[in-house]
C-alpha cells in the first residue's frame, strides 16, 4: 500500500526522522473496522453496534519495509454492515489515527457474525 499514513502520522514520522521529536504511538495499537473509507485527513465511518470493539494488533519487526499482523483478529458479535477497510489507532487518552486502508474486498456481515482478519492476512508497507 502506498502512502496510507494519516497526515498526523506523516508529520510525526518526518519530525522523528529529522530529530525534531521522539513522539511514538501509545501502545497497544488497535485495528478499527470502517464502513466508509477515510483519507489522510479524515477518519472513516467506524463500525458501531453489536459487540464490536477495536482489537489490539501486534506485528513482528518489519522486513523489507513491511509488517503483517502476527495473530488472528476476531471481531465477534458484529452488527449488520459492510466492512470496506481498516484504520490503526493508538491507545492515547485521545487516540491518534496513524494509518488506514481498504481490505482486498469489502465484506457484508449479518448481525452477530464474526469478522476475522487471519494472521498475516493484513499488511502495512512503508514503500
N, C-alpha and C. Protein backbone atom coordinates (compact mmCIF):
# COMPACT_ATOMS: atom_id res chain seq x y z
N UNK A 1 0.85 -1.17 0.00
CA UNK A 1 0.00 0.00 0.00
C UNK A 1 0.88 1.23 0.00
N UNK A 2 0.64 2.09 -0.89
CA UNK A 2 1.43 3.30 -0.96
C UNK A 2 0.73 4.42 -0.19
N UNK A 3 1.48 5.10 0.62
CA UNK A 3 1.03 6.28 1.33
C UNK A 3 -0.31 6.10 2.01
N UNK A 4 -0.39 5.17 2.93
CA UNK A 4 -1.62 5.01 3.70
C UNK A 4 -1.43 5.48 5.14
N UNK A 5 -0.51 6.43 5.32
CA UNK A 5 -0.35 7.08 6.60
C UNK A 5 -1.27 8.29 6.66
N UNK A 6 -1.77 8.57 7.84
CA UNK A 6 -2.57 9.78 8.00
C UNK A 6 -1.65 10.99 7.95
N UNK A 7 -2.22 12.17 7.79
CA UNK A 7 -1.42 13.40 7.81
C UNK A 7 -0.65 13.51 9.13
N UNK A 8 -1.31 13.17 10.23
CA UNK A 8 -0.65 13.22 11.55
C UNK A 8 0.55 12.29 11.59
N UNK A 9 0.38 11.06 11.10
CA UNK A 9 1.48 10.10 11.11
C UNK A 9 2.61 10.55 10.21
N UNK A 10 2.30 11.10 9.05
CA UNK A 10 3.34 11.60 8.15
C UNK A 10 4.16 12.69 8.83
N UNK A 11 3.49 13.64 9.48
CA UNK A 11 4.19 14.73 10.15
C UNK A 11 5.04 14.21 11.31
N UNK A 12 4.49 13.31 12.11
CA UNK A 12 5.25 12.76 13.24
C UNK A 12 6.44 11.93 12.77
N UNK A 13 6.28 11.22 11.67
CA UNK A 13 7.39 10.43 11.13
C UNK A 13 8.52 11.33 10.65
N UNK A 14 8.19 12.37 9.93
CA UNK A 14 9.22 13.31 9.46
C UNK A 14 9.88 14.01 10.65
N UNK A 15 9.09 14.42 11.64
CA UNK A 15 9.67 15.03 12.85
C UNK A 15 10.65 14.07 13.52
N UNK A 16 10.27 12.77 13.64
CA UNK A 16 11.14 11.79 14.25
C UNK A 16 12.41 11.60 13.42
N UNK A 17 12.25 11.46 12.11
CA UNK A 17 13.38 11.20 11.23
C UNK A 17 14.44 12.30 11.32
N UNK A 18 13.98 13.54 11.47
CA UNK A 18 14.91 14.66 11.50
C UNK A 18 15.19 15.17 12.91
N UNK A 19 14.84 14.37 13.91
CA UNK A 19 15.22 14.67 15.29
C UNK A 19 14.43 15.76 15.96
N UNK A 20 13.32 16.18 15.38
CA UNK A 20 12.51 17.24 15.99
C UNK A 20 11.65 16.71 17.12
N UNK A 21 11.41 15.41 17.15
CA UNK A 21 10.51 14.83 18.13
C UNK A 21 10.81 13.34 18.27
N UNK A 22 10.49 12.81 19.43
CA UNK A 22 10.58 11.36 19.62
C UNK A 22 9.19 10.77 19.84
N UNK A 23 8.17 11.49 19.38
CA UNK A 23 6.79 11.06 19.57
C UNK A 23 6.54 9.72 18.89
N UNK A 24 6.03 8.79 19.65
CA UNK A 24 5.67 7.48 19.12
C UNK A 24 4.22 7.20 19.51
N UNK A 25 3.59 6.28 18.83
CA UNK A 25 2.22 5.92 19.21
C UNK A 25 2.18 5.35 20.63
N UNK A 26 1.07 5.58 21.31
CA UNK A 26 0.84 4.98 22.62
C UNK A 26 0.32 3.57 22.38
N UNK A 27 1.06 2.59 22.86
CA UNK A 27 0.69 1.19 22.65
C UNK A 27 -0.34 0.74 23.67
N UNK A 28 -1.14 -0.28 23.37
CA UNK A 28 -1.12 -1.06 22.14
C UNK A 28 -1.83 -0.34 21.00
N UNK A 29 -1.40 -0.69 19.78
CA UNK A 29 -2.11 -0.20 18.61
C UNK A 29 -3.37 -1.05 18.44
N UNK A 30 -4.40 -0.43 17.86
CA UNK A 30 -5.68 -1.12 17.71
C UNK A 30 -6.18 -0.99 16.28
N UNK A 31 -6.76 -2.06 15.77
CA UNK A 31 -7.38 -2.02 14.44
C UNK A 31 -8.86 -1.70 14.62
N UNK A 32 -9.33 -0.73 13.84
CA UNK A 32 -10.75 -0.41 13.77
C UNK A 32 -11.24 -0.81 12.39
N UNK A 33 -12.50 -1.19 12.29
CA UNK A 33 -13.12 -1.52 11.01
C UNK A 33 -13.99 -0.36 10.58
N UNK A 34 -14.01 -0.07 9.28
CA UNK A 34 -14.81 1.04 8.77
C UNK A 34 -15.76 0.59 7.68
N UNK A 35 -16.90 1.30 7.62
CA UNK A 35 -17.91 1.03 6.60
C UNK A 35 -17.84 2.06 5.48
N UNK A 36 -17.18 3.17 5.74
CA UNK A 36 -16.89 4.20 4.74
C UNK A 36 -15.42 4.55 4.91
N UNK A 37 -14.67 4.49 3.82
CA UNK A 37 -13.23 4.72 3.88
C UNK A 37 -12.89 6.13 4.30
N UNK A 38 -11.78 6.26 5.04
CA UNK A 38 -11.26 7.55 5.42
C UNK A 38 -10.24 8.03 4.41
N UNK A 39 -9.53 9.09 4.78
CA UNK A 39 -8.50 9.67 3.93
C UNK A 39 -7.32 10.05 4.82
N UNK A 40 -6.29 10.66 4.22
CA UNK A 40 -5.16 11.13 5.02
C UNK A 40 -5.62 12.07 6.13
N UNK A 41 -6.60 12.91 5.82
CA UNK A 41 -7.01 13.97 6.74
C UNK A 41 -8.21 13.63 7.60
N UNK A 42 -9.03 12.66 7.21
CA UNK A 42 -10.28 12.40 7.93
C UNK A 42 -10.48 10.91 8.16
N UNK A 43 -10.96 10.60 9.35
CA UNK A 43 -11.26 9.21 9.69
C UNK A 43 -12.45 8.72 8.88
N UNK A 44 -12.50 7.42 8.66
CA UNK A 44 -13.65 6.81 8.01
C UNK A 44 -14.78 6.67 9.01
N UNK A 45 -15.85 6.03 8.58
CA UNK A 45 -17.00 5.78 9.45
C UNK A 45 -16.80 4.42 10.10
N UNK A 46 -16.52 4.44 11.40
CA UNK A 46 -16.22 3.21 12.11
C UNK A 46 -17.49 2.41 12.38
N UNK A 47 -17.35 1.10 12.34
CA UNK A 47 -18.44 0.20 12.69
C UNK A 47 -18.91 0.53 14.11
N UNK A 48 -20.21 0.49 14.33
CA UNK A 48 -20.77 0.66 15.68
C UNK A 48 -21.89 -0.35 15.87
N UNK A 49 -22.12 -0.70 17.11
CA UNK A 49 -23.22 -1.60 17.43
C UNK A 49 -22.76 -3.01 17.68
N UNK A 50 -23.72 -3.85 18.06
CA UNK A 50 -23.39 -5.22 18.39
C UNK A 50 -22.36 -5.25 19.50
N UNK A 51 -21.44 -6.20 19.44
CA UNK A 51 -20.35 -6.28 20.41
C UNK A 51 -19.05 -5.78 19.81
N UNK A 52 -19.14 -5.06 18.69
CA UNK A 52 -17.93 -4.58 18.00
C UNK A 52 -17.08 -3.73 18.94
N UNK A 53 -15.78 -3.96 18.89
CA UNK A 53 -14.79 -3.14 19.59
C UNK A 53 -13.48 -3.25 18.83
N UNK A 54 -12.69 -2.20 18.85
CA UNK A 54 -11.36 -2.24 18.23
C UNK A 54 -10.55 -3.37 18.86
N UNK A 55 -9.66 -3.95 18.07
CA UNK A 55 -8.83 -5.06 18.54
C UNK A 55 -7.36 -4.68 18.56
N UNK A 56 -6.65 -5.09 19.62
CA UNK A 56 -5.21 -4.89 19.68
C UNK A 56 -4.56 -5.63 18.52
N UNK A 57 -3.60 -4.97 17.88
CA UNK A 57 -2.90 -5.60 16.77
C UNK A 57 -1.42 -5.66 17.12
N UNK A 58 -0.84 -6.83 16.89
CA UNK A 58 0.59 -6.99 17.13
C UNK A 58 1.25 -7.41 15.83
N UNK A 59 2.47 -6.93 15.65
CA UNK A 59 3.25 -7.24 14.45
C UNK A 59 4.67 -7.56 14.87
N UNK A 60 5.36 -8.33 14.05
CA UNK A 60 6.77 -8.61 14.27
C UNK A 60 7.57 -7.45 13.65
N UNK A 61 8.87 -7.48 13.83
CA UNK A 61 9.74 -6.45 13.25
C UNK A 61 9.55 -6.42 11.72
N UNK A 62 9.67 -5.24 11.16
CA UNK A 62 9.49 -5.07 9.72
C UNK A 62 10.56 -5.82 8.93
N UNK A 63 10.15 -6.35 7.79
CA UNK A 63 11.04 -6.99 6.83
C UNK A 63 10.78 -6.34 5.49
N UNK A 64 11.83 -5.82 4.86
CA UNK A 64 11.69 -5.13 3.58
C UNK A 64 10.65 -4.02 3.63
N UNK A 65 10.57 -3.32 4.76
CA UNK A 65 9.68 -2.17 4.89
C UNK A 65 8.23 -2.52 5.11
N UNK A 66 7.94 -3.75 5.50
CA UNK A 66 6.54 -4.15 5.68
C UNK A 66 6.36 -4.99 6.94
N UNK A 67 5.15 -4.95 7.48
CA UNK A 67 4.75 -5.78 8.61
C UNK A 67 3.41 -6.44 8.29
N UNK A 68 3.13 -7.53 9.01
CA UNK A 68 1.83 -8.17 8.93
C UNK A 68 1.35 -8.45 10.35
N UNK A 69 0.04 -8.65 10.50
CA UNK A 69 -0.48 -8.98 11.83
C UNK A 69 0.01 -10.37 12.21
N UNK A 70 0.47 -10.50 13.46
CA UNK A 70 1.06 -11.76 13.88
C UNK A 70 0.06 -12.72 14.52
N UNK A 71 -1.17 -12.28 14.71
CA UNK A 71 -2.21 -13.14 15.28
C UNK A 71 -3.55 -12.82 14.62
N UNK A 72 -4.47 -13.78 14.70
CA UNK A 72 -5.82 -13.53 14.20
C UNK A 72 -6.45 -12.36 14.95
N UNK A 73 -7.24 -11.58 14.24
CA UNK A 73 -8.05 -10.53 14.85
C UNK A 73 -9.50 -10.93 14.63
N UNK A 74 -10.20 -11.29 15.69
CA UNK A 74 -11.57 -11.76 15.59
C UNK A 74 -12.52 -10.74 16.19
N UNK A 75 -13.30 -10.13 15.33
CA UNK A 75 -14.32 -9.16 15.75
C UNK A 75 -15.63 -9.94 15.85
N UNK A 76 -16.06 -10.24 17.05
CA UNK A 76 -17.25 -11.07 17.24
C UNK A 76 -18.47 -10.21 17.54
N UNK A 77 -19.65 -10.79 17.34
CA UNK A 77 -20.89 -10.08 17.63
C UNK A 77 -21.06 -8.82 16.80
N UNK A 78 -20.67 -8.89 15.53
CA UNK A 78 -20.74 -7.71 14.66
C UNK A 78 -22.19 -7.28 14.43
N UNK A 79 -22.40 -5.98 14.18
CA UNK A 79 -23.71 -5.53 13.73
C UNK A 79 -23.83 -5.81 12.23
N UNK A 80 -25.01 -5.76 11.69
CA UNK A 80 -25.19 -5.90 10.24
C UNK A 80 -24.55 -4.70 9.57
N UNK A 81 -23.59 -4.94 8.66
CA UNK A 81 -22.89 -3.84 7.99
C UNK A 81 -22.04 -4.39 6.86
N UNK A 82 -21.47 -3.50 6.08
CA UNK A 82 -20.49 -3.88 5.07
C UNK A 82 -19.16 -3.23 5.43
N UNK A 83 -18.17 -4.04 5.73
CA UNK A 83 -16.84 -3.56 6.11
C UNK A 83 -16.04 -3.34 4.83
N UNK A 84 -15.51 -2.12 4.67
CA UNK A 84 -14.73 -1.81 3.47
C UNK A 84 -13.25 -1.62 3.74
N UNK A 85 -12.90 -1.34 5.00
CA UNK A 85 -11.49 -1.07 5.28
C UNK A 85 -11.17 -1.07 6.75
N UNK A 86 -9.96 -0.64 7.05
CA UNK A 86 -9.39 -0.66 8.39
C UNK A 86 -8.71 0.66 8.70
N UNK A 87 -8.54 0.91 9.98
CA UNK A 87 -7.73 2.04 10.46
C UNK A 87 -6.94 1.55 11.66
N UNK A 88 -5.75 2.09 11.85
CA UNK A 88 -4.92 1.77 13.01
C UNK A 88 -4.87 3.00 13.91
N UNK A 89 -5.30 2.81 15.13
CA UNK A 89 -5.34 3.86 16.16
C UNK A 89 -4.43 3.46 17.30
N UNK A 90 -3.92 4.46 18.03
CA UNK A 90 -3.15 4.13 19.22
C UNK A 90 -4.07 4.15 20.43
N UNK A 91 -3.49 4.02 21.62
CA UNK A 91 -4.28 3.92 22.85
C UNK A 91 -4.11 5.15 23.74
N UNK A 92 -3.75 6.28 23.16
CA UNK A 92 -3.61 7.52 23.94
C UNK A 92 -4.97 7.89 24.54
N UNK A 93 -4.94 8.76 25.56
CA UNK A 93 -6.18 9.23 26.17
C UNK A 93 -7.14 9.79 25.13
N UNK A 94 -6.61 10.52 24.17
CA UNK A 94 -7.34 10.93 22.97
C UNK A 94 -6.66 10.19 21.83
N UNK A 95 -7.18 9.02 21.43
CA UNK A 95 -6.49 8.18 20.46
C UNK A 95 -6.14 8.91 19.16
N UNK A 96 -4.97 8.56 18.63
CA UNK A 96 -4.47 9.14 17.39
C UNK A 96 -4.59 8.09 16.29
N UNK A 97 -5.13 8.49 15.14
CA UNK A 97 -5.25 7.60 13.99
C UNK A 97 -3.96 7.69 13.20
N UNK A 98 -3.30 6.54 12.98
CA UNK A 98 -1.98 6.52 12.35
C UNK A 98 -2.01 6.08 10.89
N UNK A 99 -2.87 5.14 10.55
CA UNK A 99 -2.91 4.66 9.16
C UNK A 99 -4.28 4.11 8.85
N UNK A 100 -4.50 3.87 7.58
CA UNK A 100 -5.81 3.42 7.11
C UNK A 100 -5.65 2.74 5.76
N UNK A 101 -6.67 2.02 5.35
CA UNK A 101 -6.64 1.42 4.03
C UNK A 101 -7.82 0.51 3.79
N UNK A 102 -7.97 0.08 2.56
CA UNK A 102 -9.07 -0.83 2.21
C UNK A 102 -8.66 -2.28 2.43
N UNK A 103 -9.64 -3.16 2.62
CA UNK A 103 -9.39 -4.58 2.53
C UNK A 103 -9.40 -4.94 1.05
N UNK A 104 -8.88 -6.10 0.69
CA UNK A 104 -8.86 -6.51 -0.71
C UNK A 104 -10.26 -6.50 -1.31
N UNK A 105 -11.25 -6.86 -0.50
CA UNK A 105 -12.64 -6.84 -0.94
C UNK A 105 -13.51 -6.48 0.26
N UNK A 106 -14.59 -5.76 0.01
CA UNK A 106 -15.50 -5.45 1.11
C UNK A 106 -16.25 -6.73 1.48
N UNK A 107 -16.75 -6.75 2.72
CA UNK A 107 -17.47 -7.95 3.18
C UNK A 107 -18.71 -7.52 3.94
N UNK A 108 -19.84 -8.07 3.53
CA UNK A 108 -21.10 -7.81 4.23
C UNK A 108 -21.27 -8.86 5.31
N UNK A 109 -21.54 -8.40 6.53
CA UNK A 109 -21.75 -9.32 7.65
C UNK A 109 -23.15 -9.12 8.21
N UNK A 110 -23.74 -10.18 8.70
CA UNK A 110 -25.05 -10.11 9.33
C UNK A 110 -24.87 -9.86 10.83
N UNK A 111 -25.90 -9.38 11.47
CA UNK A 111 -25.85 -9.15 12.92
C UNK A 111 -25.44 -10.45 13.62
N UNK A 112 -24.48 -10.34 14.51
CA UNK A 112 -24.00 -11.48 15.27
C UNK A 112 -22.85 -12.24 14.63
N UNK A 113 -22.55 -11.95 13.35
CA UNK A 113 -21.46 -12.63 12.65
C UNK A 113 -20.11 -12.24 13.24
N UNK A 114 -19.10 -13.00 12.86
CA UNK A 114 -17.71 -12.70 13.19
C UNK A 114 -17.03 -12.17 11.93
N UNK A 115 -16.21 -11.15 12.10
CA UNK A 115 -15.35 -10.66 11.02
C UNK A 115 -13.93 -10.97 11.47
N UNK A 116 -13.23 -11.78 10.67
CA UNK A 116 -11.91 -12.23 11.09
C UNK A 116 -10.84 -11.79 10.10
N UNK A 117 -9.75 -11.26 10.65
CA UNK A 117 -8.55 -10.97 9.87
C UNK A 117 -7.52 -11.99 10.33
N UNK A 118 -7.29 -13.00 9.49
CA UNK A 118 -6.39 -14.09 9.85
C UNK A 118 -4.95 -13.56 10.00
N UNK A 119 -4.17 -14.24 10.82
CA UNK A 119 -2.76 -13.89 11.00
C UNK A 119 -2.08 -13.80 9.63
N UNK A 120 -1.33 -12.75 9.45
CA UNK A 120 -0.59 -12.45 8.21
C UNK A 120 -1.47 -12.05 7.03
N UNK A 121 -2.77 -11.91 7.23
CA UNK A 121 -3.67 -11.53 6.12
C UNK A 121 -3.68 -10.02 5.89
N UNK A 122 -3.29 -9.25 6.91
CA UNK A 122 -3.24 -7.79 6.81
C UNK A 122 -1.77 -7.38 6.73
N UNK A 123 -1.47 -6.44 5.87
CA UNK A 123 -0.08 -5.96 5.80
C UNK A 123 -0.05 -4.46 5.69
N UNK A 124 1.07 -3.92 6.14
CA UNK A 124 1.31 -2.49 6.06
C UNK A 124 2.72 -2.31 5.52
N UNK A 125 2.84 -1.48 4.50
CA UNK A 125 4.13 -1.26 3.87
C UNK A 125 4.47 0.22 3.83
N UNK A 126 5.71 0.53 4.06
CA UNK A 126 6.17 1.92 4.01
C UNK A 126 6.79 2.23 2.66
N UNK A 127 6.53 1.41 1.69
CA UNK A 127 7.14 1.64 0.36
C UNK A 127 6.25 2.51 -0.51
